[in-house]
Amino acid sequence: MTKYSKKKYLMIFSFIVIVLGMSILLEDVSGLFHDSKETNFVPYENNDMKFSIKYPSNWNIEEHIGGFVTFTASIDDYTQTKYPAGLGVYPINLESQNVSLTTIKNVHLENITNNLEEFQLINSGPIVLPGSNSAFQLIFTALDEDQIRKSMQIITKNQNIAYLITYKADLNKYDTYLKTAQKIVDSLVFIK
């Protein structure tokens, strides 16, 4: 190989290394601003509790007694023992349609303030969900088993059913999955 050929080979090799390095860096950086992979959303319907919602096809779903359902992100790596993020919908049958959303929110807030360890309220206030459904949103941190997790809870109601929608994630994963959680919440539809 001539001196000129070696230089040319080194330049091409260096160029390939730089391009590969930049593409890996750009992939890592892009993951900071949105979910790393675009996912198909699939429908879930619960006729008994009168709601439907869409969730990512690569998330796990588990139905519980009383209409409670959880959707959890898959564990990313072998070092994790718990899902990095999840969203649950907990329907609560009300004795009357006349129970106000404010009353439900106040009772719930008092309950979690008194019962969750290391509870810290970050933000709370009224919001409007798609379909012009009134709701309250609470954002807080609390001890979940052995670690502090960040949660967003949305409280809404339809006729005589209140819905507690909880998104929670590891502190370092909360922002990563927030866009997906919001997309799930935005897909909520009440069934008549």
N, C-alpha and C. Protein backbone atom coordinates (compact mmCIF):
# COMPACT_ATOMS: atom_id res chain seq x y z
N MET A 1 0.85 -1.16 0.00
CA MET A 1 0.00 0.00 0.00
C MET A 1 0.90 1.24 0.00
N THR A 2 0.64 2.15 -0.91
CA THR A 2 1.45 3.35 -0.99
C THR A 2 1.06 4.31 0.11
N LYS A 3 1.92 5.31 0.32
CA LYS A 3 1.67 6.33 1.33
C LYS A 3 0.35 7.06 1.04
N TYR A 4 0.09 7.32 -0.24
CA TYR A 4 -1.15 7.98 -0.64
C TYR A 4 -2.37 7.09 -0.35
N SER A 5 -2.26 5.81 -0.62
CA SER A 5 -3.36 4.87 -0.38
C SER A 5 -3.66 4.76 1.11
N LYS A 6 -2.61 4.75 1.95
CA LYS A 6 -2.80 4.67 3.40
C LYS A 6 -3.55 5.90 3.91
N LYS A 7 -3.17 7.09 3.40
CA LYS A 7 -3.84 8.33 3.80
C LYS A 7 -5.32 8.29 3.39
N LYS A 8 -5.55 7.86 2.16
CA LYS A 8 -6.91 7.78 1.66
C LYS A 8 -7.72 6.79 2.51
N TYR A 9 -7.14 5.63 2.81
CA TYR A 9 -7.81 4.62 3.63
C TYR A 9 -8.11 5.19 5.02
N LEU A 10 -7.17 5.87 5.65
CA LEU A 10 -7.37 6.45 6.97
C LEU A 10 -8.45 7.53 6.94
N MET A 11 -8.46 8.35 5.88
CA MET A 11 -9.49 9.39 5.76
C MET A 11 -10.88 8.76 5.63
N ILE A 12 -11.01 7.74 4.80
CA ILE A 12 -12.31 7.08 4.62
C ILE A 12 -12.74 6.41 5.93
N PHE A 13 -11.79 5.71 6.58
CA PHE A 13 -12.10 5.06 7.86
C PHE A 13 -12.51 6.09 8.90
N SER A 14 -11.78 7.19 8.98
CA SER A 14 -12.11 8.26 9.94
C SER A 14 -13.48 8.84 9.65
N PHE A 15 -13.78 9.04 8.39
CA PHE A 15 -15.09 9.58 8.00
C PHE A 15 -16.21 8.63 8.44
N ILE A 16 -16.04 7.33 8.21
CA ILE A 16 -17.05 6.34 8.60
C ILE A 16 -17.23 6.35 10.12
N VAL A 17 -16.15 6.40 10.88
CA VAL A 17 -16.23 6.43 12.34
C VAL A 17 -16.98 7.68 12.81
N ILE A 18 -16.67 8.82 12.20
CA ILE A 18 -17.34 10.07 12.58
C ILE A 18 -18.82 10.00 12.26
N VAL A 19 -19.18 9.52 11.07
CA VAL A 19 -20.59 9.43 10.68
C VAL A 19 -21.35 8.48 11.61
N LEU A 20 -20.78 7.31 11.89
CA LEU A 20 -21.42 6.37 12.80
C LEU A 20 -21.56 6.96 14.21
N GLY A 21 -20.51 7.60 14.66
CA GLY A 21 -20.55 8.22 15.99
C GLY A 21 -21.63 9.30 16.07
N MET A 22 -21.73 10.12 15.03
CA MET A 22 -22.74 11.18 15.01
C MET A 22 -24.15 10.59 14.97
N SER A 23 -24.34 9.51 14.20
CA SER A 23 -25.69 8.94 14.14
C SER A 23 -26.08 8.32 15.48
N ILE A 24 -25.13 7.69 16.16
CA ILE A 24 -25.42 7.14 17.49
C ILE A 24 -25.72 8.27 18.46
N LEU A 25 -24.93 9.34 18.42
CA LEU A 25 -25.16 10.49 19.30
C LEU A 25 -26.51 11.12 19.02
N LEU A 26 -26.84 11.31 17.75
CA LEU A 26 -28.13 11.91 17.41
C LEU A 26 -29.29 11.03 17.87
N GLU A 27 -29.14 9.71 17.76
CA GLU A 27 -30.19 8.80 18.23
C GLU A 27 -30.37 8.94 19.74
N ASP A 28 -29.26 9.01 20.49
CA ASP A 28 -29.33 9.17 21.95
C ASP A 28 -29.94 10.50 22.33
N VAL A 29 -29.55 11.58 21.65
CA VAL A 29 -30.06 12.91 21.96
C VAL A 29 -31.54 13.00 21.60
N SER A 30 -31.94 12.42 20.48
CA SER A 30 -33.35 12.50 20.10
C SER A 30 -34.23 11.81 21.12
N GLY A 31 -33.74 10.79 21.78
CA GLY A 31 -34.50 10.10 22.81
C GLY A 31 -34.78 10.96 24.02
N LEU A 32 -34.02 12.03 24.19
CA LEU A 32 -34.25 12.93 25.31
C LEU A 32 -35.50 13.77 25.11
N PHE A 33 -35.91 13.96 23.87
CA PHE A 33 -37.01 14.87 23.58
C PHE A 33 -38.32 14.17 23.22
N HIS A 34 -38.29 12.91 22.92
CA HIS A 34 -39.53 12.18 22.62
C HIS A 34 -39.29 10.71 22.88
N ASP A 35 -40.35 9.95 22.91
CA ASP A 35 -40.22 8.52 23.10
C ASP A 35 -39.34 7.96 22.00
N SER A 36 -38.50 7.01 22.37
CA SER A 36 -37.47 6.55 21.46
C SER A 36 -38.02 5.86 20.22
N LYS A 37 -39.15 5.19 20.31
CA LYS A 37 -39.69 4.51 19.15
C LYS A 37 -41.18 4.83 19.01
N GLU A 38 -41.59 5.07 17.80
CA GLU A 38 -43.02 5.29 17.54
C GLU A 38 -43.70 3.93 17.63
N THR A 39 -44.78 3.88 18.35
CA THR A 39 -45.47 2.63 18.63
C THR A 39 -46.91 2.71 18.18
N ASN A 40 -47.44 1.59 17.75
CA ASN A 40 -48.86 1.52 17.44
C ASN A 40 -49.64 1.47 18.74
N PHE A 41 -50.78 2.11 18.76
CA PHE A 41 -51.66 2.07 19.92
C PHE A 41 -52.82 1.14 19.60
N VAL A 42 -53.19 0.32 20.59
CA VAL A 42 -54.28 -0.62 20.40
C VAL A 42 -55.39 -0.29 21.39
N PRO A 43 -56.63 -0.58 21.01
CA PRO A 43 -57.75 -0.22 21.89
C PRO A 43 -57.96 -1.21 23.03
N TYR A 44 -58.42 -0.68 24.13
CA TYR A 44 -58.89 -1.48 25.27
C TYR A 44 -60.27 -0.94 25.61
N GLU A 45 -61.24 -1.82 25.82
CA GLU A 45 -62.59 -1.39 26.14
C GLU A 45 -63.09 -2.14 27.36
N ASN A 46 -63.72 -1.41 28.27
CA ASN A 46 -64.31 -2.00 29.46
C ASN A 46 -65.77 -1.56 29.51
N ASN A 47 -66.66 -2.41 29.01
CA ASN A 47 -68.08 -2.06 28.93
C ASN A 47 -68.72 -1.94 30.31
N ASP A 48 -68.27 -2.75 31.27
CA ASP A 48 -68.83 -2.68 32.62
C ASP A 48 -68.56 -1.33 33.28
N MET A 49 -67.36 -0.81 33.08
CA MET A 49 -66.98 0.46 33.70
C MET A 49 -67.11 1.64 32.73
N LYS A 50 -67.64 1.36 31.57
CA LYS A 50 -68.06 2.39 30.60
C LYS A 50 -66.93 3.30 30.11
N PHE A 51 -65.80 2.70 29.74
CA PHE A 51 -64.74 3.51 29.13
C PHE A 51 -63.94 2.67 28.15
N SER A 52 -63.30 3.37 27.23
CA SER A 52 -62.31 2.75 26.34
C SER A 52 -61.09 3.67 26.31
N ILE A 53 -59.98 3.07 26.00
CA ILE A 53 -58.71 3.81 26.00
C ILE A 53 -57.76 3.08 25.05
N LYS A 54 -56.79 3.78 24.51
CA LYS A 54 -55.78 3.16 23.65
C LYS A 54 -54.43 3.19 24.36
N TYR A 55 -53.67 2.11 24.20
CA TYR A 55 -52.37 2.00 24.86
C TYR A 55 -51.34 1.45 23.88
N PRO A 56 -50.05 1.65 24.14
CA PRO A 56 -49.01 1.17 23.23
C PRO A 56 -49.01 -0.36 23.13
N SER A 57 -48.89 -0.86 21.94
CA SER A 57 -48.93 -2.30 21.71
C SER A 57 -47.76 -3.04 22.37
N ASN A 58 -46.69 -2.32 22.68
CA ASN A 58 -45.55 -2.97 23.33
C ASN A 58 -45.59 -2.85 24.86
N TRP A 59 -46.69 -2.34 25.40
CA TRP A 59 -46.88 -2.29 26.85
C TRP A 59 -47.68 -3.50 27.29
N ASN A 60 -47.53 -3.87 28.55
CA ASN A 60 -48.27 -4.99 29.14
C ASN A 60 -49.58 -4.47 29.72
N ILE A 61 -50.60 -5.31 29.70
CA ILE A 61 -51.89 -4.94 30.26
C ILE A 61 -52.28 -5.99 31.29
N GLU A 62 -52.87 -5.52 32.38
CA GLU A 62 -53.34 -6.43 33.41
C GLU A 62 -54.67 -5.92 33.95
N GLU A 63 -55.67 -6.76 33.90
CA GLU A 63 -56.99 -6.41 34.43
C GLU A 63 -57.11 -6.94 35.85
N HIS A 64 -57.70 -6.12 36.72
CA HIS A 64 -57.86 -6.47 38.12
C HIS A 64 -59.34 -6.47 38.48
N ILE A 65 -59.64 -6.94 39.67
CA ILE A 65 -61.02 -6.96 40.16
C ILE A 65 -61.55 -5.53 40.25
N GLY A 66 -62.83 -5.38 39.95
CA GLY A 66 -63.48 -4.08 40.07
C GLY A 66 -63.27 -3.16 38.89
N GLY A 67 -62.77 -3.67 37.77
CA GLY A 67 -62.59 -2.85 36.60
C GLY A 67 -61.27 -2.12 36.52
N PHE A 68 -60.43 -2.25 37.56
CA PHE A 68 -59.12 -1.59 37.57
C PHE A 68 -58.23 -2.26 36.53
N VAL A 69 -57.56 -1.45 35.71
CA VAL A 69 -56.68 -1.98 34.67
C VAL A 69 -55.37 -1.20 34.69
N THR A 70 -54.26 -1.92 34.49
CA THR A 70 -52.95 -1.27 34.43
C THR A 70 -52.27 -1.58 33.10
N PHE A 71 -51.56 -0.59 32.62
CA PHE A 71 -50.75 -0.70 31.42
C PHE A 71 -49.33 -0.35 31.83
N THR A 72 -48.38 -1.26 31.60
CA THR A 72 -47.01 -1.00 32.04
C THR A 72 -46.03 -1.13 30.89
N ALA A 73 -45.07 -0.21 30.88
CA ALA A 73 -44.00 -0.25 29.90
C ALA A 73 -43.13 -1.48 30.19
N SER A 74 -42.62 -2.06 29.15
CA SER A 74 -41.75 -3.22 29.33
C SER A 74 -40.46 -2.81 30.02
N ILE A 75 -39.90 -3.74 30.75
CA ILE A 75 -38.62 -3.49 31.42
C ILE A 75 -37.56 -3.32 30.34
N ASP A 76 -36.77 -2.20 30.43
CA ASP A 76 -35.79 -1.86 29.38
C ASP A 76 -34.56 -2.75 29.40
N ASP A 77 -34.06 -3.05 30.58
CA ASP A 77 -32.81 -3.80 30.64
C ASP A 77 -32.84 -4.79 31.80
N TYR A 78 -31.90 -5.70 31.76
CA TYR A 78 -31.87 -6.81 32.71
C TYR A 78 -31.62 -6.39 34.16
N THR A 79 -31.17 -5.16 34.39
CA THR A 79 -30.89 -4.73 35.76
C THR A 79 -32.16 -4.28 36.49
N GLN A 80 -33.24 -4.06 35.76
CA GLN A 80 -34.48 -3.60 36.36
C GLN A 80 -35.29 -4.78 36.89
N THR A 81 -35.94 -4.55 38.01
CA THR A 81 -36.82 -5.58 38.56
C THR A 81 -38.27 -5.09 38.56
N LYS A 82 -38.47 -3.85 38.21
CA LYS A 82 -39.79 -3.26 38.21
C LYS A 82 -39.97 -2.45 36.93
N TYR A 83 -41.20 -2.39 36.45
CA TYR A 83 -41.48 -1.64 35.24
C TYR A 83 -41.04 -0.18 35.42
N PRO A 84 -40.51 0.46 34.36
CA PRO A 84 -40.04 1.84 34.48
C PRO A 84 -41.17 2.87 34.53
N ALA A 85 -42.33 2.53 33.96
CA ALA A 85 -43.46 3.45 33.94
C ALA A 85 -44.74 2.66 33.73
N GLY A 86 -45.83 3.23 34.23
CA GLY A 86 -47.11 2.56 34.05
C GLY A 86 -48.26 3.53 34.19
N LEU A 87 -49.41 3.11 33.71
CA LEU A 87 -50.61 3.93 33.81
C LEU A 87 -51.75 3.00 34.21
N GLY A 88 -52.51 3.43 35.22
CA GLY A 88 -53.64 2.65 35.67
C GLY A 88 -54.92 3.46 35.58
N VAL A 89 -56.02 2.79 35.30
CA VAL A 89 -57.33 3.42 35.30
C VAL A 89 -58.16 2.69 36.35
N TYR A 90 -58.58 3.45 37.36
CA TYR A 90 -59.34 2.88 38.46
C TYR A 90 -60.72 3.51 38.50
N PRO A 91 -61.74 2.79 38.02
CA PRO A 91 -63.10 3.32 38.06
C PRO A 91 -63.71 3.10 39.45
N ILE A 92 -64.43 4.09 39.94
CA ILE A 92 -65.06 4.02 41.25
C ILE A 92 -66.54 4.33 41.08
N ASN A 93 -67.39 3.36 41.42
CA ASN A 93 -68.83 3.58 41.36
C ASN A 93 -69.24 4.54 42.47
N LEU A 94 -69.95 5.60 42.11
CA LEU A 94 -70.43 6.58 43.08
C LEU A 94 -71.87 6.26 43.48
N GLU A 95 -72.22 6.61 44.68
CA GLU A 95 -73.59 6.38 45.13
C GLU A 95 -74.58 7.27 44.40
N SER A 96 -74.09 8.40 43.92
CA SER A 96 -74.98 9.36 43.26
C SER A 96 -74.22 10.10 42.17
N GLN A 97 -74.94 10.49 41.13
CA GLN A 97 -74.34 11.34 40.10
C GLN A 97 -74.09 12.75 40.62
N ASN A 98 -74.69 13.08 41.74
CA ASN A 98 -74.60 14.44 42.28
C ASN A 98 -73.32 14.73 43.05
N VAL A 99 -72.46 13.75 43.25
CA VAL A 99 -71.19 13.99 43.93
C VAL A 99 -70.31 14.81 42.99
N SER A 100 -69.85 15.95 43.48
CA SER A 100 -69.08 16.85 42.61
C SER A 100 -67.66 16.35 42.41
N LEU A 101 -67.08 16.74 41.30
CA LEU A 101 -65.69 16.40 41.00
C LEU A 101 -64.76 17.02 42.05
N THR A 102 -65.08 18.21 42.53
CA THR A 102 -64.29 18.87 43.57
C THR A 102 -64.29 18.05 44.85
N THR A 103 -65.44 17.53 45.24
CA THR A 103 -65.53 16.70 46.44
C THR A 103 -64.69 15.44 46.29
N ILE A 104 -64.77 14.80 45.14
CA ILE A 104 -63.98 13.59 44.88
C ILE A 104 -62.50 13.91 44.98
N LYS A 105 -62.09 15.02 44.36
CA LYS A 105 -60.68 15.41 44.38
C LYS A 105 -60.22 15.69 45.79
N ASN A 106 -61.01 16.43 46.58
CA ASN A 106 -60.61 16.79 47.95
C ASN A 106 -60.47 15.55 48.84
N VAL A 107 -61.41 14.62 48.73
CA VAL A 107 -61.32 13.38 49.51
C VAL A 107 -60.09 12.58 49.11
N HIS A 108 -59.85 12.49 47.80
CA HIS A 108 -58.69 11.73 47.31
C HIS A 108 -57.38 12.39 47.75
N LEU A 109 -57.28 13.71 47.61
CA LEU A 109 -56.07 14.41 47.99
C LEU A 109 -55.78 14.24 49.49
N GLU A 110 -56.80 14.32 50.31
CA GLU A 110 -56.61 14.11 51.75
C GLU A 110 -56.13 12.68 52.01
N ASN A 111 -56.71 11.73 51.30
CA ASN A 111 -56.34 10.33 51.47
C ASN A 111 -54.86 10.08 51.12
N ILE A 112 -54.42 10.57 49.95
CA ILE A 112 -53.03 10.30 49.56
C ILE A 112 -52.05 11.11 50.41
N THR A 113 -52.44 12.32 50.82
CA THR A 113 -51.57 13.12 51.70
C THR A 113 -51.33 12.39 53.01
N ASN A 114 -52.35 11.76 53.55
CA ASN A 114 -52.24 11.09 54.84
C ASN A 114 -51.67 9.68 54.76
N ASN A 115 -51.74 9.05 53.58
CA ASN A 115 -51.39 7.64 53.51
C ASN A 115 -50.16 7.29 52.69
N LEU A 116 -49.70 8.18 51.83
CA LEU A 116 -48.49 7.88 51.07
C LEU A 116 -47.26 8.39 51.80
N GLU A 117 -46.28 7.52 51.95
CA GLU A 117 -45.04 7.93 52.61
C GLU A 117 -44.26 8.89 51.72
N GLU A 118 -43.67 9.87 52.34
CA GLU A 118 -42.84 10.88 51.67
C GLU A 118 -43.59 11.60 50.54
N PHE A 119 -44.88 11.80 50.73
CA PHE A 119 -45.72 12.48 49.74
C PHE A 119 -45.31 13.94 49.63
N GLN A 120 -45.08 14.41 48.40
CA GLN A 120 -44.77 15.81 48.11
C GLN A 120 -45.61 16.25 46.91
N LEU A 121 -46.56 17.14 47.14
CA LEU A 121 -47.38 17.66 46.05
C LEU A 121 -46.56 18.67 45.25
N ILE A 122 -46.50 18.48 43.95
CA ILE A 122 -45.74 19.38 43.07
C ILE A 122 -46.67 20.39 42.43
N ASN A 123 -47.84 19.92 41.97
CA ASN A 123 -48.76 20.79 41.25
C ASN A 123 -50.16 20.17 41.29
N SER A 124 -51.17 21.02 41.29
CA SER A 124 -52.54 20.53 41.19
C SER A 124 -53.40 21.61 40.57
N GLY A 125 -54.47 21.17 39.90
CA GLY A 125 -55.39 22.15 39.33
C GLY A 125 -56.36 21.50 38.37
N PRO A 126 -57.36 22.27 37.97
CA PRO A 126 -58.35 21.75 37.02
C PRO A 126 -57.76 21.69 35.61
N ILE A 127 -58.22 20.70 34.85
CA ILE A 127 -57.85 20.57 33.44
C ILE A 127 -59.10 20.15 32.67
N VAL A 128 -59.01 20.20 31.37
CA VAL A 128 -60.09 19.72 30.51
C VAL A 128 -59.51 18.63 29.62
N LEU A 129 -60.11 17.46 29.67
CA LEU A 129 -59.68 16.34 28.84
C LEU A 129 -60.34 16.46 27.46
N PRO A 130 -59.81 15.75 26.47
CA PRO A 130 -60.47 15.74 25.16
C PRO A 130 -61.94 15.33 25.33
N GLY A 131 -62.79 15.90 24.52
CA GLY A 131 -64.22 15.66 24.64
C GLY A 131 -64.87 16.59 25.65
N SER A 132 -64.13 17.62 26.05
CA SER A 132 -64.62 18.64 27.00
C SER A 132 -64.99 18.06 28.37
N ASN A 133 -64.28 17.01 28.78
CA ASN A 133 -64.52 16.41 30.09
C ASN A 133 -63.69 17.13 31.15
N SER A 134 -64.37 17.66 32.17
CA SER A 134 -63.68 18.33 33.27
C SER A 134 -62.91 17.31 34.10
N ALA A 135 -61.78 17.74 34.64
CA ALA A 135 -60.95 16.85 35.44
C ALA A 135 -60.07 17.68 36.37
N PHE A 136 -59.47 17.01 37.34
CA PHE A 136 -58.43 17.60 38.18
C PHE A 136 -57.17 16.80 37.96
N GLN A 137 -56.04 17.50 37.98
CA GLN A 137 -54.75 16.85 37.82
C GLN A 137 -53.90 17.11 39.06
N LEU A 138 -53.28 16.06 39.57
CA LEU A 138 -52.35 16.17 40.69
C LEU A 138 -51.01 15.60 40.22
N ILE A 139 -49.93 16.31 40.50
CA ILE A 139 -48.59 15.80 40.21
C ILE A 139 -47.83 15.79 41.53
N PHE A 140 -47.23 14.64 41.84
CA PHE A 140 -46.57 14.50 43.14
C PHE A 140 -45.50 13.42 43.08
N THR A 141 -44.69 13.38 44.13
CA THR A 141 -43.77 12.27 44.34
C THR A 141 -44.14 11.59 45.65
N ALA A 142 -43.82 10.31 45.73
CA ALA A 142 -44.08 9.54 46.95
C ALA A 142 -43.25 8.26 46.91
N LEU A 143 -43.10 7.67 48.07
CA LEU A 143 -42.38 6.41 48.18
C LEU A 143 -43.28 5.30 47.63
N ASP A 144 -42.77 4.54 46.69
CA ASP A 144 -43.49 3.42 46.09
C ASP A 144 -42.64 2.18 46.33
N GLU A 145 -43.05 1.39 47.29
CA GLU A 145 -42.25 0.27 47.78
C GLU A 145 -40.92 0.81 48.30
N ASP A 146 -39.84 0.66 47.55
CA ASP A 146 -38.53 1.05 48.07
C ASP A 146 -37.91 2.25 47.37
N GLN A 147 -38.66 2.93 46.52
CA GLN A 147 -38.08 4.07 45.80
C GLN A 147 -39.11 5.19 45.62
N ILE A 148 -38.59 6.40 45.47
CA ILE A 148 -39.45 7.55 45.20
C ILE A 148 -39.79 7.52 43.71
N ARG A 149 -41.08 7.64 43.42
CA ARG A 149 -41.55 7.71 42.04
C ARG A 149 -42.38 8.97 41.88
N LYS A 150 -42.43 9.45 40.66
CA LYS A 150 -43.22 10.63 40.34
C LYS A 150 -44.53 10.17 39.70
N SER A 151 -45.62 10.84 40.09
CA SER A 151 -46.95 10.45 39.59
C SER A 151 -47.73 11.65 39.09
N MET A 152 -48.55 11.38 38.10
CA MET A 152 -49.56 12.33 37.65
C MET A 152 -50.89 11.59 37.80
N GLN A 153 -51.80 12.16 38.56
CA GLN A 153 -53.12 11.56 38.71
C GLN A 153 -54.15 12.51 38.13
N ILE A 154 -55.07 11.93 37.39
CA ILE A 154 -56.17 12.70 36.81
C ILE A 154 -57.46 12.10 37.36
N ILE A 155 -58.29 12.97 37.88
CA ILE A 155 -59.57 12.55 38.43
C ILE A 155 -60.67 13.16 37.57
N THR A 156 -61.54 12.31 37.06
CA THR A 156 -62.65 12.78 36.24
C THR A 156 -63.86 11.90 36.55
N LYS A 157 -65.00 12.24 36.01
CA LYS A 157 -66.18 11.40 36.23
C LYS A 157 -67.10 11.46 35.03
N ASN A 158 -67.89 10.41 34.92
CA ASN A 158 -68.90 10.31 33.89
C ASN A 158 -70.11 9.64 34.54
N GLN A 159 -71.20 10.37 34.59
CA GLN A 159 -72.42 9.92 35.25
C GLN A 159 -72.11 9.51 36.69
N ASN A 160 -72.31 8.23 37.05
CA ASN A 160 -72.09 7.84 38.44
C ASN A 160 -70.79 7.05 38.62
N ILE A 161 -69.82 7.25 37.74
CA ILE A 161 -68.51 6.60 37.87
C ILE A 161 -67.42 7.67 37.88
N ALA A 162 -66.59 7.64 38.92
CA ALA A 162 -65.39 8.48 38.97
C ALA A 162 -64.23 7.64 38.44
N TYR A 163 -63.29 8.28 37.78
CA TYR A 163 -62.13 7.59 37.22
C TYR A 163 -60.87 8.23 37.79
N LEU A 164 -60.02 7.41 38.38
CA LEU A 164 -58.72 7.85 38.86
C LEU A 164 -57.70 7.27 37.89
N ILE A 165 -57.08 8.14 37.11
CA ILE A 165 -56.09 7.72 36.12
C ILE A 165 -54.73 8.11 36.67
N THR A 166 -53.88 7.13 36.88
CA THR A 166 -52.57 7.38 37.49
C THR A 166 -51.45 6.97 36.55
N TYR A 167 -50.60 7.93 36.22
CA TYR A 167 -49.36 7.65 35.51
C TYR A 167 -48.24 7.80 36.52
N LYS A 168 -47.39 6.78 36.65
CA LYS A 168 -46.24 6.92 37.53
C LYS A 168 -45.03 6.25 36.91
N ALA A 169 -43.87 6.80 37.27
CA ALA A 169 -42.63 6.31 36.68
C ALA A 169 -41.47 6.59 37.63
N ASP A 170 -40.37 5.91 37.37
CA ASP A 170 -39.14 6.22 38.08
C ASP A 170 -38.84 7.70 37.84
N LEU A 171 -38.21 8.32 38.82
CA LEU A 171 -37.91 9.75 38.67
C LEU A 171 -37.13 10.04 37.39
N ASN A 172 -36.17 9.18 37.06
CA ASN A 172 -35.35 9.43 35.87
C ASN A 172 -36.01 8.99 34.57
N LYS A 173 -37.21 8.38 34.63
CA LYS A 173 -37.92 7.95 33.43
C LYS A 173 -39.24 8.71 33.22
N TYR A 174 -39.64 9.52 34.20
CA TYR A 174 -40.94 10.20 34.15
C TYR A 174 -41.10 11.01 32.85
N ASP A 175 -40.15 11.87 32.56
CA ASP A 175 -40.26 12.72 31.36
C ASP A 175 -40.17 11.90 30.08
N THR A 176 -39.43 10.79 30.11
CA THR A 176 -39.28 9.95 28.92
C THR A 176 -40.62 9.36 28.49
N TYR A 177 -41.42 8.93 29.45
CA TYR A 177 -42.70 8.26 29.15
C TYR A 177 -43.90 9.20 29.22
N LEU A 178 -43.70 10.45 29.61
CA LEU A 178 -44.82 11.37 29.80
C LEU A 178 -45.64 11.58 28.53
N LYS A 179 -44.99 11.73 27.40
CA LYS A 179 -45.70 11.95 26.13
C LYS A 179 -46.60 10.75 25.81
N THR A 180 -46.10 9.55 26.05
CA THR A 180 -46.90 8.34 25.82
C THR A 180 -48.08 8.29 26.78
N ALA A 181 -47.83 8.60 28.05
CA ALA A 181 -48.91 8.60 29.05
C ALA A 181 -49.98 9.61 28.67
N GLN A 182 -49.57 10.78 28.20
CA GLN A 182 -50.54 11.81 27.82
C GLN A 182 -51.36 11.35 26.61
N LYS A 183 -50.72 10.65 25.70
CA LYS A 183 -51.43 10.13 24.52
C LYS A 183 -52.47 9.09 24.95
N ILE A 184 -52.12 8.26 25.94
CA ILE A 184 -53.09 7.28 26.46
C ILE A 184 -54.27 8.01 27.09
N VAL A 185 -53.98 8.98 27.96
CA VAL A 185 -55.05 9.74 28.63
C VAL A 185 -55.93 10.44 27.60
N ASP A 186 -55.32 11.03 26.60
CA ASP A 186 -56.08 11.75 25.57
C ASP A 186 -56.99 10.83 24.75
N SER A 187 -56.75 9.52 24.80
CA SER A 187 -57.57 8.59 24.03
C SER A 187 -58.80 8.11 24.82
N LEU A 188 -58.92 8.52 26.08
CA LEU A 188 -60.04 8.09 26.92
C LEU A 188 -61.38 8.51 26.32
N VAL A 189 -62.28 7.54 26.20
CA VAL A 189 -63.63 7.80 25.71
C VAL A 189 -64.60 7.11 26.66
N PHE A 190 -65.65 7.82 27.04
CA PHE A 190 -66.68 7.23 27.88
C PHE A 190 -67.71 6.53 27.00
N ILE A 191 -68.10 5.34 27.42
CA ILE A 191 -69.09 4.55 26.69
C ILE A 191 -70.44 4.74 27.38
N LYS A 192 -71.48 4.92 26.60
CA LYS A 192 -72.82 5.11 27.19
C LYS A 192 -73.47 3.79 27.50
